[in-house]
Amino acid sequence: MLIHVTGRRSGRRYTIPVGYQRDPEAGLLITLVSEAPKKQWWRNYLEARPIEVRLRGRHLRGEAVVIAPESEEFAERVAATLRRIPGMARVFGVAGYDRQRGPSPEQRAYLARQIAIVRIQLDGS
């Protein structure tokens, strides 16, 4: 998926390729941002803002917001992602991840510092 981000301060437009997960029933796209402290684009969505995406050749609009790392939704999205794609634990730098038990409190705290999760609610959903 490509996201089209307009900088909150600069007003410049950027197109960025990102991975995503789809929740079609809720009309949501979820993007997990690895190495979030080193990246800037997701900070544009600390408060809900409009976003444009290009998904499978279709131009879509919606509203994006960062999910608070201390929230239950953040913990649920991380756990669901790691259950579905255990190799992401390595990508996110989570040492000793056990798929059967899920992320430990320490691993969740680590992930809250290392990744960002952006929820995109598509228009018309």
Protein backbone atom coordinates (compact mmCIF):
# COMPACT_ATOMS: atom_id res chain seq x y z
CA MET A 1 0.00 0.00 0.00
CA LEU A 2 1.14 3.55 -0.67
CA ILE A 3 0.15 6.28 1.72
CA HIS A 4 0.11 9.93 0.74
CA VAL A 5 1.13 12.05 3.71
CA THR A 6 1.04 15.83 3.91
CA GLY A 7 3.55 17.09 6.46
CA ARG A 8 1.86 18.75 9.41
CA ARG A 9 4.48 21.50 9.55
CA SER A 10 6.00 21.62 6.08
CA GLY A 11 2.82 21.07 4.09
CA ARG A 12 4.91 18.95 1.70
CA ARG A 13 3.36 15.81 0.25
CA TYR A 14 5.14 12.48 0.53
CA THR A 15 4.28 9.05 -0.87
CA ILE A 16 5.49 6.20 1.32
CA PRO A 17 5.17 2.43 0.79
CA VAL A 18 3.95 0.65 3.94
CA GLY A 19 2.80 -2.78 4.98
CA TYR A 20 -0.76 -3.09 6.18
CA GLN A 21 -3.35 -5.40 7.61
CA ARG A 22 -6.97 -5.17 6.62
CA ASP A 23 -10.06 -5.40 8.82
CA PRO A 24 -12.69 -5.40 6.05
CA GLU A 25 -15.68 -5.72 8.39
CA ALA A 26 -14.76 -2.48 10.15
CA GLY A 27 -13.43 -0.73 7.02
CA LEU A 28 -10.01 -0.40 8.65
CA LEU A 29 -6.44 -0.58 7.48
CA ILE A 30 -3.78 -1.05 10.16
CA THR A 31 -0.13 -0.14 9.65
CA LEU A 32 2.54 -1.18 12.12
CA VAL A 33 5.56 1.10 11.90
CA SER A 34 8.80 -0.64 12.87
CA GLU A 35 11.66 1.45 14.26
CA ALA A 36 9.13 4.22 14.88
CA PRO A 37 11.54 6.50 16.80
CA LYS A 38 13.62 6.77 13.60
CA LYS A 39 10.65 7.64 11.36
CA GLN A 40 8.63 10.80 11.14
CA TRP A 41 5.60 10.31 8.90
CA TRP A 42 3.38 8.59 11.50
CA ARG A 43 3.70 11.58 13.86
CA ASN A 44 1.37 13.47 11.50
CA TYR A 45 -1.40 11.29 12.92
CA LEU A 46 -0.95 11.73 16.66
CA GLU A 47 -4.33 13.41 16.26
CA ALA A 48 -6.83 12.15 13.70
CA ARG A 49 -6.24 13.64 10.24
CA PRO A 50 -7.30 12.89 6.67
CA ILE A 51 -5.15 10.49 4.67
CA GLU A 52 -5.08 9.18 1.12
CA VAL A 53 -3.90 5.69 0.20
CA ARG A 54 -3.32 3.71 -2.97
CA LEU A 55 -4.37 0.13 -2.39
CA ARG A 56 -4.36 -2.46 -5.16
CA GLY A 57 -4.62 0.23 -7.81
CA ARG A 58 -7.46 2.10 -6.08
CA HIS A 59 -7.20 5.59 -4.65
CA LEU A 60 -8.94 5.69 -1.26
CA ARG A 61 -9.47 8.35 1.39
CA GLY A 62 -9.92 8.05 5.08
CA GLU A 63 -8.92 9.29 8.48
CA ALA A 64 -5.77 8.09 10.22
CA VAL A 65 -4.78 8.18 13.87
CA VAL A 66 -1.98 6.66 15.94
CA ILE A 67 -3.24 4.11 18.45
CA ALA A 68 -2.03 5.04 21.94
CA PRO A 69 0.72 2.59 22.98
CA GLU A 70 -0.74 2.25 26.49
CA SER A 71 -4.19 1.32 25.16
CA GLU A 72 -5.82 -2.09 25.13
CA GLU A 73 -6.28 -1.76 21.35
CA PHE A 74 -2.51 -1.40 20.90
CA ALA A 75 -1.88 -4.57 22.96
CA GLU A 76 -4.58 -6.47 21.05
CA ARG A 77 -3.27 -5.40 17.62
CA VAL A 78 0.30 -6.38 18.55
CA ALA A 79 -0.77 -9.77 19.91
CA ALA A 80 -2.97 -10.49 16.88
CA THR A 81 -0.18 -9.57 14.47
CA LEU A 82 2.38 -11.75 16.24
CA ARG A 83 -0.05 -14.68 16.38
CA ARG A 84 -0.70 -14.38 12.66
CA ILE A 85 2.89 -13.57 11.62
CA PRO A 86 5.30 -14.74 14.36
CA GLY A 87 8.32 -13.69 12.28
CA MET A 88 7.34 -10.06 12.90
CA ALA A 89 8.70 -10.46 16.44
CA ARG A 90 12.17 -10.65 14.87
CA VAL A 91 11.45 -7.65 12.64
CA PHE A 92 10.36 -5.66 15.69
CA GLY A 93 13.40 -6.79 17.71
CA VAL A 94 11.42 -8.77 20.32
CA ALA A 95 13.80 -11.22 21.99
CA GLY A 96 12.45 -14.53 23.30
CA TYR A 97 8.94 -14.22 21.86
CA ASP A 98 6.83 -17.32 22.62
CA ARG A 99 3.97 -17.77 20.16
CA GLN A 100 2.03 -19.97 22.60
CA ARG A 101 2.05 -17.41 25.44
CA GLY A 102 2.02 -14.24 23.35
CA PRO A 103 3.95 -11.11 24.21
CA SER A 104 4.96 -10.73 27.86
CA PRO A 105 4.36 -7.45 29.72
CA GLU A 106 8.04 -6.59 29.20
CA GLN A 107 7.81 -7.31 25.48
CA ARG A 108 4.64 -5.18 25.19
CA ALA A 109 6.41 -2.32 26.99
CA TYR A 110 9.38 -2.67 24.63
CA LEU A 111 7.08 -2.64 21.58
CA ALA A 112 5.26 0.44 22.87
CA ARG A 113 8.62 2.26 22.65
CA GLN A 114 9.73 0.76 19.32
CA ILE A 115 6.69 0.65 17.06
CA ALA A 116 3.72 2.83 16.21
CA ILE A 117 0.36 1.58 15.04
CA VAL A 118 -1.68 3.75 12.69
CA ARG A 119 -5.38 2.96 12.26
CA ILE A 120 -6.97 4.16 9.00
CA GLN A 121 -10.75 4.34 8.87
CA LEU A 122 -11.69 4.37 5.20
CA ASP A 123 -14.38 6.79 4.02
CA GLY A 124 -17.69 5.17 3.29
CA SER A 125 -17.06 2.29 5.69
